[in-house]
Protein backbone atom coordinates (compact mmCIF):
# COMPACT_ATOMS: atom_id res chain seq x y z
CA MET A 1 101.45 -178.68 -37.60
CA ARG A 2 104.88 -178.91 -39.20
CA PHE A 3 104.63 -175.24 -40.28
CA GLY A 4 103.95 -174.14 -36.70
CA LEU A 5 106.61 -176.34 -35.10
CA LEU A 6 109.26 -175.25 -37.58
CA GLY A 7 108.33 -171.60 -37.07
CA LEU A 8 108.50 -171.92 -33.29
CA SER A 9 111.83 -173.75 -33.45
CA VAL A 10 113.41 -171.20 -35.76
CA ALA A 11 111.97 -168.29 -33.74
CA LEU A 12 113.51 -169.63 -30.52
CA THR A 13 116.79 -170.23 -32.35
CA TRP A 14 116.79 -166.67 -33.67
CA PHE A 15 115.99 -165.39 -30.18
CA LEU A 16 119.03 -167.26 -28.84
CA VAL A 17 121.30 -166.02 -31.64
CA VAL A 18 120.23 -162.36 -31.56
CA SER A 19 120.07 -162.02 -27.78
CA THR A 20 123.48 -163.67 -27.39
CA GLY A 21 125.04 -161.48 -30.07
CA VAL A 22 123.58 -158.31 -28.58
CA SER A 23 124.65 -159.51 -25.12
CA LEU A 24 128.25 -159.47 -26.34
CA LEU A 25 127.73 -155.93 -27.62
CA ALA A 26 126.11 -154.87 -24.34
CA ALA A 27 129.02 -156.38 -22.38
CA ALA A 28 131.48 -154.31 -24.42
CA ILE A 29 129.43 -151.15 -23.83
CA ALA A 30 129.14 -151.94 -20.11
CA ALA A 31 132.90 -152.42 -19.80
CA LEU A 32 133.43 -148.96 -21.27
CA ALA A 33 130.50 -147.30 -19.50
CA THR A 34 131.47 -148.60 -16.05
CA ARG A 35 134.82 -146.83 -16.37
CA ARG A 36 133.80 -143.64 -18.16
CA TRP A 37 130.04 -143.14 -17.93
CA THR A 38 129.38 -143.59 -14.20
CA ALA A 39 130.98 -140.39 -13.05
CA LYS A 40 129.37 -138.25 -15.76
CA HIS A 41 125.92 -139.84 -15.97
CA GLY A 42 125.67 -141.51 -12.58
CA THR A 43 122.26 -140.01 -11.85
CA ARG A 44 120.62 -141.35 -15.03
CA PRO A 45 119.26 -144.82 -14.33
CA ALA A 46 117.35 -144.94 -17.63
CA GLY A 47 120.62 -145.34 -19.53
CA TRP A 48 121.68 -148.33 -17.44
CA LEU A 49 118.21 -149.83 -17.75
CA ALA A 50 118.35 -149.51 -21.53
CA LEU A 51 121.70 -151.28 -21.57
CA ARG A 52 120.39 -154.07 -19.35
CA LEU A 53 117.30 -154.63 -21.51
CA MET A 54 119.06 -154.24 -24.86
CA PRO A 55 119.63 -157.98 -25.66
CA SER A 56 116.05 -159.07 -24.97
CA VAL A 57 114.45 -156.00 -26.54
CA ALA A 58 116.59 -156.37 -29.68
CA ALA A 59 115.75 -160.07 -29.99
CA GLY A 60 112.05 -159.46 -29.42
CA ALA A 61 112.01 -156.60 -31.94
CA PHE A 62 113.77 -158.76 -34.54
CA LEU A 63 111.26 -161.59 -34.13
CA THR A 64 108.26 -159.26 -34.24
CA ILE A 65 109.34 -156.93 -37.03
CA ALA A 66 111.58 -159.05 -39.24
CA PHE A 67 111.36 -162.81 -38.72
CA GLY A 68 107.63 -163.18 -38.05
CA PRO A 69 106.38 -161.38 -41.17
CA ALA A 70 109.14 -162.96 -43.30
CA TYR A 71 108.19 -166.48 -42.19
CA LEU A 72 104.48 -165.93 -42.78
CA LEU A 73 105.05 -164.35 -46.20
CA PHE A 74 107.61 -166.69 -47.72
CA GLU A 75 107.64 -170.04 -45.91
CA PRO A 76 105.62 -172.70 -47.81
CA ARG A 77 102.73 -174.10 -45.79
CA ASN A 78 103.28 -177.56 -47.25
CA GLY A 79 107.08 -177.70 -46.95
CA THR A 80 108.90 -180.94 -46.20
CA GLU A 81 111.92 -179.70 -44.26
CA PRO A 82 112.43 -181.97 -41.23
CA LEU A 83 113.21 -180.74 -37.71
CA ARG A 84 116.83 -181.75 -37.33
CA ALA A 85 118.43 -182.35 -33.93
CA PRO A 86 120.78 -179.29 -34.03
CA LEU A 87 117.86 -176.96 -34.73
CA VAL A 88 115.79 -178.55 -31.98
CA MET A 89 118.68 -178.25 -29.52
CA ALA A 90 119.17 -174.56 -30.35
CA ALA A 91 115.43 -173.97 -29.98
CA LEU A 92 115.45 -175.71 -26.61
CA ALA A 93 118.33 -173.47 -25.50
CA GLY A 94 116.36 -170.39 -26.50
CA GLY A 95 113.28 -171.73 -24.75
CA LEU A 96 115.38 -172.44 -21.67
CA LEU A 97 116.34 -168.76 -21.44
CA ILE A 98 112.66 -167.81 -21.43
CA ALA A 99 111.76 -170.56 -18.95
CA LEU A 100 114.51 -169.49 -16.55
CA ALA A 101 113.31 -165.88 -16.69
CA ALA A 102 109.75 -167.00 -15.95
CA ARG A 103 111.06 -169.07 -13.06
CA ARG A 104 112.91 -166.06 -11.64
CA VAL A 105 109.75 -163.96 -11.79
CA LEU A 106 107.58 -166.63 -10.19
CA SER A 107 110.15 -167.35 -7.47
CA ALA A 108 110.55 -163.66 -6.64
CA GLY A 109 106.77 -163.24 -6.60
CA ARG A 110 106.31 -166.13 -4.17
CA GLN A 111 109.10 -164.93 -1.87
CA LEU A 112 107.80 -161.38 -1.88
CA ALA A 113 104.20 -162.47 -1.23
CA SER A 114 105.32 -164.63 1.69
CA LEU A 115 107.46 -161.85 3.14
CA GLU A 116 104.69 -159.28 2.81
CA ARG A 117 102.12 -161.59 4.43
CA ASP A 118 104.43 -161.90 7.41
CA TRP A 119 104.88 -158.14 7.59
CA ARG A 120 101.17 -157.38 7.22
CA ALA A 121 100.36 -159.77 10.06
CA ARG A 122 102.57 -157.67 12.35
CA ALA A 123 101.91 -154.23 10.86
CA THR A 124 99.95 -151.19 12.00
CA PRO A 125 99.20 -148.15 9.80
CA SER A 126 101.55 -145.22 10.29
CA PRO A 127 100.31 -141.65 10.79
CA THR A 128 102.74 -140.63 8.02
CA SER A 129 100.68 -142.52 5.43
CA THR A 130 99.42 -140.62 2.41
CA PRO A 131 96.67 -141.55 -0.09
CA ALA A 132 99.35 -142.25 -2.70
CA LEU A 133 101.66 -144.21 -0.40
CA PRO A 134 100.34 -146.17 2.61
CA VAL A 135 102.99 -146.63 5.30
CA PHE A 136 103.00 -149.53 7.77
CA ILE A 137 105.04 -149.98 10.93
CA VAL A 138 106.11 -153.61 11.37
CA ASP A 139 106.92 -155.28 14.67
CA CYS A 140 109.76 -157.52 13.52
CA PRO A 141 113.25 -158.22 14.87
CA GLY A 142 115.25 -156.88 11.92
CA PRO A 143 115.38 -153.37 10.43
CA VAL A 144 113.01 -152.85 7.49
CA ALA A 145 112.66 -149.84 5.18
CA THR A 146 111.20 -151.27 1.98
CA LEU A 147 108.89 -150.04 -0.77
CA VAL A 148 106.78 -152.89 -2.18
CA GLY A 149 104.47 -152.99 -5.18
CA VAL A 150 104.00 -151.26 -8.52
CA LEU A 151 100.30 -150.50 -9.05
CA ARG A 152 99.54 -150.15 -5.32
CA PRO A 153 102.87 -149.33 -3.65
CA ARG A 154 103.24 -149.78 0.10
CA LEU A 155 106.08 -148.72 2.40
CA TYR A 156 107.06 -150.95 5.33
CA LEU A 157 109.15 -149.58 8.19
CA SER A 158 110.16 -151.71 11.13
CA ARG A 159 109.52 -150.29 14.58
CA ALA A 160 113.28 -150.37 15.23
CA VAL A 161 113.84 -148.03 12.29
CA VAL A 162 111.00 -145.69 13.29
CA GLU A 163 112.24 -145.47 16.88
CA ALA A 164 115.82 -144.82 15.77
CA LEU A 165 114.87 -141.93 13.48
CA GLY A 166 113.72 -138.46 14.43
CA PRO A 167 110.76 -136.70 12.77
CA GLU A 168 112.91 -134.96 10.14
CA GLU A 169 114.76 -138.17 9.33
CA GLN A 170 111.47 -140.05 8.93
CA ALA A 171 110.23 -137.31 6.58
CA ALA A 172 113.43 -137.64 4.56
CA VAL A 173 113.02 -141.42 4.28
CA LEU A 174 109.40 -140.98 3.18
CA ALA A 175 110.46 -138.42 0.54
CA HIS A 176 113.18 -140.77 -0.72
CA GLU A 177 110.83 -143.74 -1.08
CA THR A 178 108.16 -141.51 -2.65
CA ALA A 179 110.73 -140.61 -5.32
CA HIS A 180 111.22 -144.35 -6.01
CA MET A 181 107.45 -144.72 -6.27
CA ARG A 182 107.04 -141.81 -8.71
CA ARG A 183 109.75 -143.15 -11.03
CA ARG A 184 108.32 -146.71 -10.97
CA ASP A 185 111.65 -148.20 -9.89
CA ASN A 186 109.98 -151.39 -8.71
CA LEU A 187 108.54 -151.86 -12.20
CA ALA A 188 112.04 -151.52 -13.62
CA ARG A 189 113.25 -154.20 -11.19
CA TRP A 190 110.50 -156.58 -12.31
CA ILE A 191 111.33 -155.97 -15.97
CA MET A 192 115.03 -156.63 -15.43
CA LEU A 193 114.18 -159.78 -13.52
CA ALA A 194 112.02 -160.99 -16.43
CA THR A 195 114.47 -160.39 -19.26
CA PRO A 196 115.38 -163.78 -20.81
CA ASP A 197 118.99 -163.40 -21.95
CA LEU A 198 122.49 -164.61 -21.13
CA TYR A 199 123.59 -161.08 -20.30
CA ALA A 200 121.88 -161.27 -16.92
CA ALA A 201 124.21 -164.06 -15.81
CA THR A 202 127.44 -162.39 -16.90
CA ARG A 203 129.68 -160.19 -14.80
CA PHE A 204 128.86 -157.20 -17.00
CA GLY A 205 125.13 -157.84 -16.76
CA ILE A 206 125.33 -157.97 -12.97
CA GLN A 207 127.41 -154.77 -12.95
CA THR A 208 124.85 -153.05 -15.20
CA ALA A 209 122.03 -153.92 -12.80
CA GLU A 210 124.13 -152.69 -9.87
CA GLN A 211 124.92 -149.44 -11.67
CA TRP A 212 121.21 -148.95 -12.36
CA ALA A 213 120.42 -149.47 -8.66
CA ALA A 214 123.12 -147.01 -7.62
CA ALA A 215 121.92 -144.42 -10.16
CA ALA A 216 118.31 -144.89 -9.00
CA GLU A 217 119.36 -144.25 -5.39
CA ARG A 218 121.28 -141.10 -6.34
CA LEU A 219 118.33 -139.72 -8.26
CA ALA A 220 115.89 -140.58 -5.46
CA ASP A 221 118.17 -138.71 -3.04
CA GLU A 222 118.22 -135.66 -5.31
CA GLU A 223 114.45 -135.62 -5.72
CA ALA A 224 113.88 -136.10 -1.99
CA VAL A 225 116.26 -133.30 -1.06
CA ALA A 226 115.12 -130.92 -3.82
CA GLY A 227 117.90 -128.46 -3.04
CA ARG A 228 117.04 -128.18 0.68
CA PRO A 229 120.19 -128.39 2.85
CA ARG A 230 118.24 -129.29 5.99
CA MET A 231 116.52 -132.19 4.22
CA ALA A 232 119.88 -133.34 2.84
CA VAL A 233 121.36 -133.52 6.34
CA ALA A 234 118.29 -135.39 7.63
CA LEU A 235 118.46 -137.94 4.81
CA ALA A 236 122.20 -138.47 5.30
CA SER A 237 121.63 -139.01 9.00
CA ALA A 238 118.81 -141.47 8.30
CA LEU A 239 121.02 -143.43 5.88
CA VAL A 240 123.79 -143.79 8.45
CA THR A 241 121.37 -144.68 11.25
CA VAL A 242 119.57 -147.37 9.26
CA ALA A 243 122.88 -148.76 7.95
CA ARG A 244 124.07 -149.24 11.53
CA LEU A 245 120.95 -151.28 12.26
CA MET A 246 121.43 -153.51 9.22
CA PRO A 247 123.26 -156.82 9.81
CA PRO A 248 126.17 -157.62 7.45
CA ALA A 249 124.24 -159.97 5.17
CA PRO A 250 123.66 -160.10 1.39
CA ARG A 251 120.45 -158.50 0.14
CA ILE A 252 117.78 -160.86 -1.16
CA PRO A 253 117.29 -159.98 -4.88
CA LEU A 254 113.60 -159.05 -4.76
CA PRO A 255 111.90 -156.39 -6.93
CA THR A 256 111.54 -153.91 -4.07
CA SER A 257 113.17 -150.56 -3.25
CA GLY A 258 115.02 -150.22 0.02
CA LEU A 259 116.79 -147.27 1.59
CA ASP A 260 120.27 -148.48 0.57
CA ASP A 261 119.92 -150.78 -2.44
CA GLY A 262 122.72 -149.23 -4.46
CA GLY A 263 125.63 -150.29 -2.28
CA ILE A 264 127.08 -146.75 -2.37
CA LEU A 265 126.17 -145.49 1.10
CA ALA A 266 129.39 -143.56 1.72
CA GLU A 267 129.21 -141.81 -1.66
CA ARG A 268 125.56 -140.85 -1.12
CA VAL A 269 126.26 -139.42 2.32
CA ARG A 270 129.16 -137.36 0.94
CA ARG A 271 126.96 -136.04 -1.87
CA LEU A 272 124.18 -135.15 0.56
CA LEU A 273 126.51 -133.35 2.96
CA GLY A 274 128.31 -131.51 0.17
CA GLU A 275 126.80 -128.98 -2.20
CA PRO A 276 123.02 -129.48 -2.28
CA ALA A 277 122.04 -131.33 -5.41
CA HIS A 278 119.14 -130.03 -7.45
CA PRO A 279 116.76 -132.55 -8.98
CA ARG A 280 117.21 -133.10 -12.70
CA ARG A 281 114.45 -133.69 -15.15
CA HIS A 282 114.30 -137.46 -15.09
CA VAL A 283 113.29 -139.93 -17.79
CA TYR A 284 110.98 -142.72 -16.71
CA ALA A 285 112.77 -146.04 -16.77
CA TRP A 286 110.53 -147.70 -19.32
CA VAL A 287 111.04 -144.97 -21.92
CA SER A 288 114.46 -146.37 -22.85
CA ALA A 289 113.12 -149.80 -23.76
CA VAL A 290 110.27 -148.26 -25.76
CA THR A 291 112.78 -146.03 -27.56
CA ILE A 292 114.87 -149.03 -28.60
CA ALA A 293 111.82 -150.80 -30.00
CA ALA A 294 110.69 -147.62 -31.80
CA LEU A 295 114.10 -147.27 -33.42
CA ALA A 296 113.92 -150.86 -34.61
CA VAL A 297 110.50 -150.20 -36.16
CA GLY A 298 111.82 -147.06 -37.82
CA VAL A 299 114.80 -148.84 -39.32
CA THR A 300 112.53 -151.58 -40.66
CA VAL A 301 110.10 -149.15 -42.28
CA ALA A 302 112.92 -147.04 -43.71
CA SER A 303 114.56 -150.12 -45.22
CA GLY A 304 111.44 -151.17 -47.08
CA ALA A 305 109.52 -153.97 -45.41
CA LEU A 306 109.16 -156.51 -48.22
CA PRO A 307 112.79 -156.56 -49.46
CA LEU A 308 114.02 -156.77 -45.89
CA HIS A 309 111.64 -159.63 -45.10
CA ARG A 310 112.86 -161.51 -48.18
CA GLU A 311 116.45 -161.11 -47.00
CA VAL A 312 115.51 -162.24 -43.49
CA HIS A 313 113.78 -165.34 -44.91
CA ASP A 314 116.84 -166.18 -47.02
CA LEU A 315 118.98 -165.78 -43.92
CA THR A 316 116.60 -168.02 -41.99
CA GLU A 317 116.88 -170.70 -44.70
CA TRP A 318 120.65 -170.51 -44.36
CA LEU A 319 120.36 -170.84 -40.59
CA VAL A 320 118.15 -173.92 -40.91
CA ARG A 321 120.53 -175.53 -43.39
CA LEU A 322 123.43 -174.71 -41.10
CA ALA A 323 121.62 -176.49 -38.24
CA TRP A 324 121.28 -179.63 -40.36
């Protein structure tokens, strides 16, 4: 019992320490990237996603690869070290980060389920539906152009939006949302929502998420247009038309993809009406997080597992004594 409680307490403390330290590093990178990286790599959302996930992925990799094996290998099962108040407080702080992330996910899930139930009650299937992406026309007062879901994505368009758009504009909107669906952007939104770190609450963390959304919109535009000038004009027209229907209100932070989630409408319209952009070979959003974890595994193996685990256990003992 004591072995398990101590291990859990120290694990949560390490999660707090590592995620907070890496959050500071991510904030420094974000401050530099926002000024210098956006213009050059603005159409690469995977880079921004990797930066956003870096604190939680680093902390999780450390616990899985370094702390966990070190604790099981070297911590005595019959030790007598007590759980001191500072260690318990640090563990509670780490647990609070995880609990708040779980609360965000549950709250977003409930809000989204309620919103979709309301839409489905007023929806009729659209003739533009495809087997991969069902489209529903919703009779509701406000404008809606929203892609919902990850495993079974659905696109909801309000009747006001459908009636305001011509056939080519509707095709452009469908191509844009299909690009979001192919790249699993809603999955990336869920993952960012679920990351339990302090970085999410900082100015730089918020900016990183916004830069990811803007980059995702740029890339979806490029894939929808696919170098076709006529499609570019239709999509630009649809963006302006839908924006005029939208009331000036803040967007509810739900893990869905809308037509203008990046907050860069004017820039996107200028890009679409300028030289036609050709779609780049994209990297799926989740690859960045997997790459970070793979690098952590590689570093651990290259360092020699047992010596590293001994060092981690000695460092853990120092951390516990420091908490006393």
